[in-house]
C-alpha cells in the first residue's frame, strides 16, 4: 500500500469556506488561514444552538508500538457518517512537534482516513502551540525578572513551581540551572522545561469556556511561594493581560477537513499521559453546535485519556457522551499476550487469548462510567478470520457490540457498519457517573482511579507526595479533580507490564497544583513531563523535496 504522504497527494482539499458552509457557520465568523484552514470566531457559539447535537467518544485499549489507529478510526467513522448523509463534525487534538519528530510521527490519521493538510497540521498549523509556549514563557520570564528587580513579593527561589516549556522532546532541559554568568544575567536558581503539551496554559486554554474564563484561570495560576510560605499567583506579576494578548487567536478553534470532506475542528493538544488528554471544550461545543453528530477522541488508552475526559472535561464542561467506541487491533492484543512485535504477522490464537484480558479490563472500565461501549476492530491485512472471530466472541461474552473496520484501506465506506452500530447504540446508556466525588480526600480520589481504572491493589505515596498533599490542603484545593500522569503503555505505572497486570501498587512521587486549570497533576512511577527522543527519531526520515512536498511525515 502507498505511504500516507503518497495517498494524501491524491486528494485536493475543497475551499475551507465550503466546509464552513456545510456547518452553516456564518461567513463573518470564518477567518481563513490560506485556502485549507480557518479559525472560527467564538461568536459563532452565540447563534441558535443545534439541539440535536450528539457526542461520540472514541478511545482504545492500552497502546502498543504496533499502533491501534484511534485517530484513524475517529476520522474513518466521521467519513462513514458523511457517506450516510449525516450531519457530522470531528473534534480532535492538535499534534505536538515533540512526538511528531520523535517516536510517534504524524497524528493526522492514516491511509484513506486522514485530515488535511497533514503537513501543516503536524508542523506549525495556525501557531497555537507557539502562542501557548510564548504565553507560558512570558510568565517564566516575569518571575525571574521580578526576583532580579528586587523581589518585592519575596518569592522563594527554592519554591518556584512554574516551569518553562517548549514544543520539542529534549531530555537535557528537564532540570537546569538558570541565571548563570554573573550579576547582570539574573539570579541563579534551579528550573527546567516541560513539553508545551503538558503546560498548564495548554490545559487552561482547552478547558476555558470563553476569553474571560481563560483570563480568570491565568490570574489564579499558582507560580510559587514566598519565604513565609504564602502562595503567589500569576495575577500578582501583572502579565496575564499580555498572556491573553498572545493567546487571543489561539483560543479560536481551527477548522479543517478529512479526505472525504468531513469537517474537523482540530484544537488544543494536551497529552493524556502527562496532562488531561482532550481537545478544547470550545472546539467540542463548536462541533456540537453546528452538527448533529460530533465525534471526538481522548488520548492513549481508556484508562488515561477517557478517564480524564469523563472525570475532568465532562465534569467541568457539563458534557455527557451519547456513545463510546473502544478501538483495538489483533496486533495490539497479541502483544499484550506476550507476542514479539516482529512476529505479529503470524496467527497466534494463544497469544491473542492472553491479550484479550486487556480488552476485558477496558470494557469493564467503560461500564464504570455507566456507558456501554462499541468495540471497533481496526483490521490489518495480516489479521486472520480465526483471530477476528475470537475477538468477536469475547465481545459477545461481554454483551457489547462489535464491528470489524477497514477504514484505513477503504476510507469512510470501511466504517459504515460501525457508524450504524454506533447510531443504534445511542440512548442505551445512562448519564455518566464519575469515578469519585470531588469532596472526597485527595488520597481517596487517587486510590479510586488507581483501583478501578488500573486494577491496582493500593497506592503508595512518597515523602514528597505527602508534603505536596499538605500544600493542597493548606490552599483549600482538596476538592479539585485528579489528573494522573502515568505510563501509557501499561495499565500500571510500570511500562513493562502488559496485558492486565495484577498484584501491584501505584507509586505517587509528587503532586503538582494546577489551580488555573482546575485539577491536581499526580505524577506516578518514572513518568516525565518532558519526553526524550528515541535512538532513531522520526525526524531522521523527514525531508523537504524539491517539489515543496514534505516527505516522511507520517
Protein backbone atom coordinates (compact mmCIF):
# COMPACT_ATOMS: atom_id res chain seq x y z
CA UNK A 1 0.00 0.00 0.00
CA UNK A 2 1.16 3.53 -0.74
CA UNK A 3 2.51 5.67 2.12
CA UNK A 4 0.25 8.15 3.88
CA UNK A 5 2.07 11.02 2.15
CA UNK A 6 1.57 9.41 -1.27
CA UNK A 7 -2.13 8.82 -0.54
CA UNK A 8 -2.55 12.41 0.64
CA UNK A 9 -1.27 13.69 -2.71
CA UNK A 10 -4.30 12.10 -4.40
CA UNK A 11 -6.71 14.39 -2.55
CA UNK A 12 -7.21 18.10 -3.09
CA UNK A 13 -8.95 19.97 -0.28
CA UNK A 14 -12.09 21.87 -1.16
CA UNK A 15 -12.10 25.54 -0.11
CA UNK A 16 -12.41 25.86 3.66
CA UNK A 17 -15.37 28.20 3.19
CA UNK A 18 -17.26 25.28 1.60
CA UNK A 19 -16.53 23.25 4.73
CA UNK A 20 -17.77 26.02 7.00
CA UNK A 21 -20.89 26.27 4.82
CA UNK A 22 -21.54 22.58 5.48
CA UNK A 23 -21.76 23.51 9.15
CA UNK A 24 -23.86 26.59 8.45
CA UNK A 25 -21.29 28.88 10.04
CA UNK A 26 -21.82 32.48 9.01
CA UNK A 27 -19.05 33.93 6.83
CA UNK A 28 -18.29 36.75 9.27
CA UNK A 29 -17.17 34.14 11.82
CA UNK A 30 -14.76 32.39 9.42
CA UNK A 31 -11.15 33.66 9.38
CA UNK A 32 -9.26 31.72 6.68
CA UNK A 33 -5.60 30.80 7.14
CA UNK A 34 -4.97 30.31 3.43
CA UNK A 35 -7.29 28.13 1.35
CA UNK A 36 -7.43 24.98 3.51
CA UNK A 37 -7.60 26.14 7.15
CA UNK A 38 -9.74 28.60 9.09
CA UNK A 39 -10.09 29.95 12.60
CA UNK A 40 -13.70 30.18 13.77
CA UNK A 41 -14.70 33.15 15.88
CA UNK A 42 -16.18 32.23 19.26
CA UNK A 43 -19.14 34.46 18.42
CA UNK A 44 -20.36 31.56 16.26
CA UNK A 45 -21.41 29.86 19.50
CA UNK A 46 -23.93 32.63 20.15
CA UNK A 47 -26.11 31.66 17.17
CA UNK A 48 -29.13 29.44 17.71
CA UNK A 49 -27.97 26.17 19.27
CA UNK A 50 -28.35 22.84 17.47
CA UNK A 51 -30.45 20.87 19.94
CA UNK A 52 -29.84 17.59 18.06
CA UNK A 53 -26.07 17.57 18.59
CA UNK A 54 -24.89 14.22 19.98
CA UNK A 55 -21.40 13.38 21.20
CA UNK A 56 -19.45 10.20 20.44
CA UNK A 57 -16.23 9.44 22.35
CA UNK A 58 -13.56 7.27 20.73
CA UNK A 59 -10.98 5.63 22.99
CA UNK A 60 -8.83 2.49 22.82
CA UNK A 61 -7.19 -0.41 24.57
CA UNK A 62 -3.70 0.12 26.03
CA UNK A 63 -1.33 1.44 23.31
CA UNK A 64 1.46 -0.69 21.88
CA UNK A 65 4.27 0.05 19.38
CA UNK A 66 2.18 -1.70 16.70
CA UNK A 67 -0.31 1.21 16.69
CA UNK A 68 -4.04 0.96 17.37
CA UNK A 69 -5.21 3.66 14.94
CA UNK A 70 -7.53 5.54 17.30
CA UNK A 71 -7.30 8.81 15.37
CA UNK A 72 -7.56 6.97 12.06
CA UNK A 73 -10.69 5.22 13.33
CA UNK A 74 -12.18 8.50 14.55
CA UNK A 75 -11.67 10.05 11.12
CA UNK A 76 -12.89 6.94 9.28
CA UNK A 77 -16.01 6.87 11.45
CA UNK A 78 -16.67 10.51 10.68
CA UNK A 79 -16.30 9.84 6.96
CA UNK A 80 -18.75 6.95 7.28
CA UNK A 81 -21.31 9.32 8.83
CA UNK A 82 -20.72 11.65 5.88
CA UNK A 83 -21.32 8.80 3.42
CA UNK A 84 -24.57 8.08 5.23
CA UNK A 85 -25.58 11.73 4.62
CA UNK A 86 -25.49 12.53 8.32
CA UNK A 87 -24.56 15.96 9.67
CA UNK A 88 -21.22 15.25 11.38
CA UNK A 89 -18.13 17.07 12.60
CA UNK A 90 -14.91 15.79 14.16
CA UNK A 91 -13.27 17.35 17.25
CA UNK A 92 -9.61 16.33 17.52
CA UNK A 93 -6.44 17.38 19.29
CA UNK A 94 -3.62 19.23 17.55
CA UNK A 95 -0.40 17.24 17.05
CA UNK A 96 2.71 18.23 19.01
CA UNK A 97 6.09 18.67 17.30
CA UNK A 98 7.76 16.65 20.07
CA UNK A 99 6.31 13.21 19.27
CA UNK A 100 5.91 14.12 15.60
CA UNK A 101 9.69 14.48 15.28
CA UNK A 102 10.39 11.91 17.97
CA UNK A 103 8.88 8.44 18.14
CA UNK A 104 5.21 8.71 17.17
CA UNK A 105 5.41 10.59 13.87
CA UNK A 106 2.41 12.45 12.45
CA UNK A 107 -1.01 12.45 14.09
CA UNK A 108 -3.48 13.22 11.33
CA UNK A 109 -4.78 9.70 10.75
CA UNK A 110 -3.60 7.16 8.21
CA UNK A 111 -4.33 5.51 4.88
CA UNK A 112 -7.59 6.81 3.39
CA UNK A 113 -8.80 8.18 6.73
CA UNK A 114 -6.79 11.34 7.22
CA UNK A 115 -7.41 15.03 7.83
CA UNK A 116 -5.66 17.59 5.67
CA UNK A 117 -3.47 19.49 5.04
CA UNK A 118 -1.48 16.95 7.05
CA UNK A 119 1.92 18.62 6.71
CA UNK A 120 0.66 21.95 8.06
CA UNK A 121 -1.42 20.38 10.84
CA UNK A 122 1.52 18.24 12.00
CA UNK A 123 4.03 21.09 11.93
CA UNK A 124 3.20 24.74 12.69
CA UNK A 125 -0.53 24.73 11.79
CA UNK A 126 -2.01 28.09 12.90
CA UNK A 127 0.61 28.73 15.57
CA UNK A 128 -1.49 27.73 18.59
CA UNK A 129 1.35 25.75 20.19
CA UNK A 130 3.76 28.62 19.62
CA UNK A 131 1.32 31.07 21.23
CA UNK A 132 0.89 28.79 24.25
CA UNK A 133 4.66 28.38 24.53
CA UNK A 134 5.17 32.14 24.38
CA UNK A 135 2.47 32.88 26.96
CA UNK A 136 3.89 30.27 29.32
CA UNK A 137 7.44 31.56 28.96
CA UNK A 138 6.39 35.19 29.34
CA UNK A 139 5.21 34.26 32.83
CA UNK A 140 8.51 32.44 33.46
CA UNK A 141 10.48 35.50 32.35
CA UNK A 142 8.33 37.75 34.54
CA UNK A 143 9.03 35.57 37.59
CA UNK A 144 12.80 35.72 37.14
CA UNK A 145 12.72 39.41 36.27
CA UNK A 146 10.71 40.16 39.41
CA UNK A 147 13.30 38.35 41.52
CA UNK A 148 16.13 40.20 39.75
CA UNK A 149 14.47 43.62 40.09
CA UNK A 150 14.16 43.50 43.86
CA UNK A 151 11.66 40.71 44.60
CA UNK A 152 9.00 42.80 46.38
CA UNK A 153 6.76 39.69 46.53
CA UNK A 154 9.52 37.83 48.42
CA UNK A 155 9.36 34.90 46.01
CA UNK A 156 11.31 31.98 47.46
CA UNK A 157 13.55 30.88 44.59
CA UNK A 158 13.59 27.36 46.03
CA UNK A 159 9.81 27.15 45.77
CA UNK A 160 9.09 28.43 42.26
CA UNK A 161 6.80 25.76 40.78
CA UNK A 162 6.22 27.38 37.37
CA UNK A 163 8.43 25.90 34.63
CA UNK A 164 9.36 26.92 31.12
CA UNK A 165 8.08 24.89 28.15
CA UNK A 166 8.96 24.13 24.55
CA UNK A 167 7.23 22.01 21.90
CA UNK A 168 10.08 19.57 21.45
CA UNK A 169 11.34 16.39 23.08
CA UNK A 170 14.56 17.38 24.86
CA UNK A 171 15.51 15.44 27.98
CA UNK A 172 18.56 17.69 28.57
CA UNK A 173 16.25 20.53 29.60
CA UNK A 174 14.26 18.66 32.25
CA UNK A 175 16.39 20.07 35.06
CA UNK A 176 18.67 23.08 34.58
CA UNK A 177 20.26 25.97 36.46
CA UNK A 178 19.09 29.45 35.41
CA UNK A 179 20.78 32.83 35.72
CA UNK A 180 24.43 31.82 35.46
CA UNK A 181 27.01 34.24 34.10
CA UNK A 182 27.27 36.98 36.67
CA UNK A 183 25.20 39.67 38.31
CA UNK A 184 23.77 41.12 35.07
CA UNK A 185 22.47 37.74 33.85
CA UNK A 186 19.83 37.21 36.53
CA UNK A 187 19.65 35.40 39.84
CA UNK A 188 20.81 31.77 39.76
CA UNK A 189 18.20 29.17 40.69
CA UNK A 190 17.16 25.68 39.66
CA UNK A 191 14.48 25.30 37.00
CA UNK A 192 13.57 23.24 33.96
CA UNK A 193 11.38 22.69 30.93
CA UNK A 194 8.24 20.67 30.29
CA UNK A 195 6.86 19.98 26.84
CA UNK A 196 4.25 22.52 25.71
CA UNK A 197 1.52 19.86 25.57
CA UNK A 198 1.95 19.39 29.34
CA UNK A 199 1.81 23.11 30.09
CA UNK A 200 -0.90 24.37 32.41
CA UNK A 201 -1.53 27.13 29.86
CA UNK A 202 -2.45 24.40 27.36
CA UNK A 203 -4.83 22.85 29.89
CA UNK A 204 -6.39 26.20 30.74
CA UNK A 205 -6.99 27.05 27.08
CA UNK A 206 -8.52 23.62 26.48
CA UNK A 207 -10.87 23.84 29.47
CA UNK A 208 -11.88 27.52 29.20
CA UNK A 209 -15.49 28.49 28.46
CA UNK A 210 -14.52 31.78 26.83
CA UNK A 211 -11.87 34.52 26.91
CA UNK A 212 -12.92 35.84 30.32
CA UNK A 213 -12.81 32.37 31.82
CA UNK A 214 -9.31 31.88 30.41
CA UNK A 215 -8.22 35.22 31.91
CA UNK A 216 -9.62 34.20 35.31
CA UNK A 217 -7.77 30.88 35.11
CA UNK A 218 -4.49 32.60 34.23
CA UNK A 219 -4.90 35.02 37.13
CA UNK A 220 -5.25 32.25 39.71
CA UNK A 221 -2.35 30.14 38.43
CA UNK A 222 0.00 29.19 41.27
CA UNK A 223 3.59 30.11 40.40
CA UNK A 224 5.34 29.56 43.73
CA UNK A 225 5.56 30.53 47.39
CA UNK A 226 7.06 33.39 49.38
CA UNK A 227 9.76 32.96 52.02
CA UNK A 228 6.98 32.99 54.62
CA UNK A 229 5.15 30.18 52.81
CA UNK A 230 2.38 32.29 51.30
CA UNK A 231 1.18 31.22 47.80
CA UNK A 232 1.94 33.57 44.91
CA UNK A 233 -0.30 33.67 41.85
CA UNK A 234 0.24 34.86 38.28
CA UNK A 235 -2.09 37.83 38.74
CA UNK A 236 0.39 39.37 41.19
CA UNK A 237 3.02 39.65 38.43
CA UNK A 238 0.65 41.73 36.26
CA UNK A 239 1.39 39.92 32.97
CA UNK A 240 -1.80 37.89 32.48
CA UNK A 241 -3.19 40.64 30.23
CA UNK A 242 -0.20 40.22 27.93
CA UNK A 243 -0.58 36.44 28.11
CA UNK A 244 -4.17 36.88 26.92
CA UNK A 245 -2.96 39.05 24.03
CA UNK A 246 -0.64 36.23 22.96
CA UNK A 247 -3.47 33.69 23.28
CA UNK A 248 -6.21 35.72 21.55
CA UNK A 249 -6.15 33.85 18.24
CA UNK A 250 -5.11 30.53 19.78
CA UNK A 251 -8.40 30.48 21.70
CA UNK A 252 -10.36 30.20 18.42
CA UNK A 253 -10.88 26.60 17.16
CA UNK A 254 -9.23 25.56 13.88
CA UNK A 255 -11.41 24.15 11.08
CA UNK A 256 -10.03 21.67 8.53
CA UNK A 257 -11.43 18.66 6.62
CA UNK A 258 -10.90 14.95 6.00
CA UNK A 259 -10.11 13.39 2.61
CA UNK A 260 -13.85 12.92 2.07
CA UNK A 261 -14.82 16.44 3.09
CA UNK A 262 -15.88 15.71 6.68
CA UNK A 263 -15.47 18.90 8.75
CA UNK A 264 -12.98 18.68 11.62
CA UNK A 265 -12.17 21.08 14.44
CA UNK A 266 -8.55 20.47 15.49
CA UNK A 267 -7.79 22.50 18.58
CA UNK A 268 -5.62 22.09 21.67
CA UNK A 269 -3.23 19.23 22.28
CA UNK A 270 -2.61 18.13 25.88
CA UNK A 271 -1.09 14.66 26.18
CA UNK A 272 -3.12 12.12 28.13
CA UNK A 273 -0.17 10.50 29.93
CA UNK A 274 1.11 13.79 31.42
CA UNK A 275 -1.93 16.08 31.04
CA UNK A 276 -5.71 15.67 30.59
CA UNK A 277 -5.56 14.43 27.00
CA UNK A 278 -8.60 16.05 25.33
CA UNK A 279 -9.16 18.66 22.64
CA UNK A 280 -10.60 22.01 23.71
CA UNK A 281 -14.04 22.38 25.25
CA UNK A 282 -14.67 25.24 22.82
CA UNK A 283 -13.96 23.05 19.76
CA UNK A 284 -16.19 20.27 21.09
CA UNK A 285 -19.01 22.72 21.73
CA UNK A 286 -18.48 24.35 18.33
CA UNK A 287 -18.82 20.97 16.63
CA UNK A 288 -21.92 20.01 18.64
CA UNK A 289 -23.38 23.45 17.97
CA UNK A 290 -23.12 23.06 14.19
CA UNK A 291 -23.56 19.33 13.52
CA UNK A 292 -25.97 16.59 14.58
CA UNK A 293 -23.08 14.25 15.39
CA UNK A 294 -19.74 15.16 16.97
CA UNK A 295 -17.01 12.53 17.10
CA UNK A 296 -14.12 13.20 19.44
CA UNK A 297 -11.28 11.18 20.91
CA UNK A 298 -9.31 11.04 24.15
CA UNK A 299 -5.59 10.33 24.13
CA UNK A 300 -3.88 6.95 24.68
CA UNK A 301 -5.93 4.15 26.28
CA UNK A 302 -9.27 4.46 28.07
CA UNK A 303 -7.51 4.34 31.47
CA UNK A 304 -5.70 7.62 30.71
CA UNK A 305 -7.43 9.89 28.21
CA UNK A 306 -11.01 8.71 28.55
CA UNK A 307 -10.95 8.62 32.35
CA UNK A 308 -9.85 12.27 32.31
CA UNK A 309 -12.39 13.05 29.59
CA UNK A 310 -15.14 11.94 31.96
CA UNK A 311 -13.76 12.99 35.35
CA UNK A 312 -12.26 16.33 34.25
CA UNK A 313 -13.60 17.57 30.90
CA UNK A 314 -17.19 16.31 31.15
CA UNK A 315 -17.45 17.43 34.76
CA UNK A 316 -16.08 20.94 34.06
CA UNK A 317 -17.90 21.47 30.75
CA UNK A 318 -21.16 19.66 31.58
CA UNK A 319 -20.77 17.16 28.73
CA UNK A 320 -22.04 13.58 28.55
CA UNK A 321 -21.19 11.38 25.55
CA UNK A 322 -24.08 9.56 23.90
CA UNK A 323 -21.89 6.67 22.74
CA UNK A 324 -18.40 5.27 23.41
CA UNK A 325 -16.26 3.46 20.83
CA UNK A 326 -13.35 1.32 22.04
CA UNK A 327 -10.73 0.75 19.35
CA UNK A 328 -8.46 -2.29 19.34
CA UNK A 329 -6.42 -4.41 16.94
CA UNK A 330 -5.44 -8.05 16.68
CA UNK A 331 -1.79 -6.97 16.66
CA UNK A 332 -2.04 -4.96 19.88
CA UNK A 333 -3.86 -7.70 21.75
CA UNK A 334 -1.27 -10.27 20.64
CA UNK A 335 1.46 -8.01 22.01
CA UNK A 336 -0.44 -7.78 25.30
CA UNK A 337 -0.46 -11.58 25.23
CA UNK A 338 3.33 -11.69 25.02
CA UNK A 339 3.88 -11.80 21.25
CA UNK A 340 7.03 -10.15 19.94
CA UNK A 341 6.47 -7.11 17.70
CA UNK A 342 8.44 -8.76 14.88
CA UNK A 343 6.12 -11.80 14.87
CA UNK A 344 2.74 -10.06 14.70
CA UNK A 345 2.14 -11.06 11.08
CA UNK A 346 1.68 -14.69 12.11
CA UNK A 347 -1.54 -16.10 13.54
CA UNK A 348 -1.29 -16.87 17.24
CA UNK A 349 -4.60 -17.60 18.93
CA UNK A 350 -2.95 -18.41 22.26
CA UNK A 351 -1.23 -15.02 22.48
CA UNK A 352 -4.43 -13.32 21.37
CA UNK A 353 -6.45 -15.14 24.02
CA UNK A 354 -3.98 -13.98 26.67
CA UNK A 355 -4.11 -10.41 25.35
CA UNK A 356 -7.90 -10.29 25.47
CA UNK A 357 -7.56 -9.61 29.19
CA UNK A 358 -6.56 -6.07 28.28
CA UNK A 359 -9.73 -5.62 26.23
CA UNK A 360 -11.76 -7.13 29.07
CA UNK A 361 -10.42 -4.55 31.52
CA UNK A 362 -11.16 -1.60 29.24
CA UNK A 363 -14.72 -2.80 28.62
CA UNK A 364 -15.19 -3.02 32.38
CA UNK A 365 -13.71 0.46 32.77
CA UNK A 366 -16.14 1.98 30.25
CA UNK A 367 -19.05 0.45 32.13
CA UNK A 368 -17.84 2.02 35.39
CA UNK A 369 -18.97 5.33 33.91
CA UNK A 370 -22.45 3.93 33.10
CA UNK A 371 -21.59 3.61 29.41
CA UNK A 372 -21.82 0.55 27.15
CA UNK A 373 -19.01 0.51 24.56
CA UNK A 374 -18.97 -0.47 20.91
CA UNK A 375 -15.74 -2.33 20.12
CA UNK A 376 -14.19 -1.33 16.78
CA UNK A 377 -11.58 -3.73 15.42
CA UNK A 378 -9.19 -1.83 13.16
CA UNK A 379 -8.35 -4.63 10.73
CA UNK A 380 -4.84 -5.13 9.34
CA UNK A 381 -4.06 -7.19 6.24
CA UNK A 382 -2.30 -9.89 8.28
CA UNK A 383 -5.29 -10.49 10.59
CA UNK A 384 -6.89 -13.90 10.13
CA UNK A 385 -10.57 -14.76 10.24
CA UNK A 386 -9.94 -17.03 13.22
CA UNK A 387 -8.32 -14.21 15.18
CA UNK A 388 -11.16 -11.81 14.42
CA UNK A 389 -13.73 -14.47 15.34
CA UNK A 390 -12.02 -14.88 18.73
CA UNK A 391 -12.33 -11.17 19.49
CA UNK A 392 -15.91 -11.08 18.28
CA UNK A 393 -16.77 -13.99 20.59
CA UNK A 394 -15.19 -12.16 23.52
CA UNK A 395 -17.36 -9.11 22.81
CA UNK A 396 -20.46 -11.31 22.65
CA UNK A 397 -19.44 -12.72 26.02
CA UNK A 398 -19.42 -9.16 27.42
CA UNK A 399 -22.67 -8.32 25.61
CA UNK A 400 -21.08 -5.43 23.74
CA UNK A 401 -21.43 -4.63 20.04
CA UNK A 402 -18.54 -5.40 17.71
CA UNK A 403 -17.59 -4.10 14.28
CA UNK A 404 -14.69 -5.02 12.02
CA UNK A 405 -13.49 -1.91 10.16
CA UNK A 406 -11.30 -1.33 7.10
CA UNK A 407 -11.32 2.48 7.01
CA UNK A 408 -7.52 2.65 6.66
CA UNK A 409 -7.71 0.95 3.25
CA UNK A 410 -11.26 1.92 2.24
CA UNK A 411 -11.95 5.30 3.84
CA UNK A 412 -15.45 6.01 5.10
CA UNK A 413 -17.08 3.02 3.44
CA UNK A 414 -14.87 0.76 5.56
CA UNK A 415 -16.54 2.05 8.74
CA UNK A 416 -20.20 2.24 7.63
CA UNK A 417 -21.20 -0.81 9.67
CA UNK A 418 -19.51 0.75 12.71
CA UNK A 419 -21.36 4.03 12.12
CA UNK A 420 -24.71 2.27 12.00
CA UNK A 421 -23.98 0.31 15.18
CA UNK A 422 -22.87 3.50 16.97
CA UNK A 423 -26.04 5.35 15.93
CA UNK A 424 -28.12 2.42 17.11
CA UNK A 425 -26.34 2.43 20.50
CA UNK A 426 -27.39 6.00 21.31
CA UNK A 427 -29.95 6.18 24.08
CA UNK A 428 -28.97 2.85 25.60
CA UNK A 429 -26.55 4.26 28.19
CA UNK A 430 -27.33 6.08 31.40
CA UNK A 431 -25.96 9.54 32.26
CA UNK A 432 -22.28 9.20 33.03
CA UNK A 433 -21.21 8.60 36.60
CA UNK A 434 -17.80 9.96 37.70
CA UNK A 435 -15.39 7.63 39.49
CA UNK A 436 -15.21 9.84 42.56
CA UNK A 437 -16.91 12.74 44.28
CA UNK A 438 -14.95 15.97 44.44
CA UNK A 439 -15.41 16.30 48.20
CA UNK A 440 -13.52 13.03 48.80
CA UNK A 441 -9.99 13.34 50.30
CA UNK A 442 -7.32 13.65 47.60
CA UNK A 443 -5.72 10.37 48.66
CA UNK A 444 -9.03 8.55 48.24
CA UNK A 445 -9.65 10.07 44.81
CA UNK A 446 -6.25 8.84 43.66
CA UNK A 447 -6.99 5.40 45.10
CA UNK A 448 -10.38 5.32 43.38
CA UNK A 449 -8.80 5.90 39.96
CA UNK A 450 -5.88 3.54 40.57
CA UNK A 451 -8.01 0.67 41.79
CA UNK A 452 -10.90 0.99 39.34
CA UNK A 453 -9.11 2.07 36.12
CA UNK A 454 -5.74 0.39 36.52
CA UNK A 455 -6.61 -2.58 38.73
CA UNK A 456 -4.06 -1.64 41.41
CA UNK A 457 -4.19 -3.15 44.88
CA UNK A 458 -3.29 0.15 46.52
CA UNK A 459 -1.34 3.40 46.19
CA UNK A 460 1.98 4.27 47.85
CA UNK A 461 2.89 7.92 48.46
CA UNK A 462 6.48 9.20 48.59
CA UNK A 463 7.64 11.67 51.24
CA UNK A 464 7.48 14.43 48.61
CA UNK A 465 3.92 13.47 47.68
CA UNK A 466 2.91 13.66 51.34
CA UNK A 467 4.40 17.18 51.56
CA UNK A 468 2.53 18.14 48.40
CA UNK A 469 -0.72 16.90 49.90
CA UNK A 470 -0.22 19.29 52.82
CA UNK A 471 0.18 22.21 50.38
CA UNK A 472 -3.05 21.19 48.64
CA UNK A 473 -4.92 21.13 51.94
CA UNK A 474 -3.43 24.43 53.14
CA UNK A 475 -4.53 26.16 49.91
CA UNK A 476 -8.05 24.74 50.20
CA UNK A 477 -7.78 22.90 46.88
CA UNK A 478 -8.63 19.39 48.03
CA UNK A 479 -11.90 19.49 46.07
CA UNK A 480 -10.18 19.60 42.66
CA UNK A 481 -10.37 16.63 40.24
CA UNK A 482 -7.32 14.44 39.69
CA UNK A 483 -5.14 14.24 36.58
CA UNK A 484 -2.84 11.23 36.89
CA UNK A 485 0.39 11.25 34.87
CA UNK A 486 1.23 7.62 34.16
CA UNK A 487 2.99 5.34 31.69
CA UNK A 488 0.65 4.97 28.67
CA UNK A 489 1.93 1.53 27.63
CA UNK A 490 0.62 -0.28 30.71
CA UNK A 491 -2.44 -0.25 32.91
CA UNK A 492 0.05 0.01 35.79
CA UNK A 493 2.67 2.71 36.39
CA UNK A 494 5.35 0.27 35.17
CA UNK A 495 5.62 0.50 31.35
CA UNK A 496 6.98 -3.06 31.09
CA UNK A 497 3.82 -4.70 32.47
CA UNK A 498 1.48 -5.50 29.58
CA UNK A 499 -1.89 -7.20 29.29
CA UNK A 500 -3.84 -6.89 32.54
CA UNK A 501 -1.33 -6.50 35.40
CA UNK A 502 -2.35 -7.76 38.81
CA UNK A 503 -0.95 -7.56 42.34
CA UNK A 504 0.72 -4.16 42.00
CA UNK A 505 0.78 -0.78 43.70
CA UNK A 506 0.80 2.61 42.02
CA UNK A 507 3.58 4.82 43.38
CA UNK A 508 2.84 8.56 43.61
CA UNK A 509 6.08 10.53 43.72
CA UNK A 510 4.70 14.10 43.67
CA UNK A 511 1.55 16.18 43.21
CA UNK A 512 1.51 19.43 41.24
CA UNK A 513 -1.16 22.06 41.80
CA UNK A 514 -2.71 23.37 38.58
CA UNK A 515 -5.06 25.86 40.19
CA UNK A 516 -5.77 27.69 36.94
CA UNK A 517 -6.56 24.54 35.01
CA UNK A 518 -8.61 23.35 37.95
CA UNK A 519 -7.03 19.97 38.70
CA UNK A 520 -4.17 18.30 40.56
CA UNK A 521 -1.48 16.58 38.48
CA UNK A 522 -0.39 13.35 40.18
CA UNK A 523 2.99 12.11 38.93
CA UNK A 524 3.40 8.33 39.22
CA UNK A 525 6.29 5.95 38.60
CA UNK A 526 9.03 7.44 36.42
CA UNK A 527 6.77 9.46 34.12
CA UNK A 528 8.36 12.68 32.79
CA UNK A 529 6.61 15.89 31.66
CA UNK A 530 9.42 16.44 29.15
CA UNK A 531 9.91 13.39 26.88
CA UNK A 532 13.21 12.47 25.27
CA UNK A 533 13.99 11.50 21.69
CA UNK A 534 14.42 7.80 20.78
CA UNK A 535 17.72 6.46 19.43
CA UNK A 536 16.47 6.99 15.87
CA UNK A 537 13.98 9.90 15.89
CA UNK A 538 11.25 10.19 13.29
CA UNK A 539 12.95 13.45 12.30
CA UNK A 540 15.71 11.40 10.68
CA UNK A 541 13.28 10.30 7.96
CA UNK A 542 11.67 13.68 7.21
CA UNK A 543 12.89 15.78 4.29
CA UNK A 544 11.72 18.64 2.10
CA UNK A 545 11.61 17.63 -1.57
CA UNK A 546 12.39 19.99 -4.44
CA UNK A 547 8.68 19.99 -5.26
CA UNK A 548 7.94 21.57 -1.87
CA UNK A 549 6.37 18.36 -0.55
CA UNK A 550 7.44 17.23 2.93
CA UNK A 551 8.24 13.51 2.80
CA UNK A 552 8.36 11.10 5.75
CA UNK A 553 5.86 12.97 7.90
CA UNK A 554 3.63 10.02 8.86
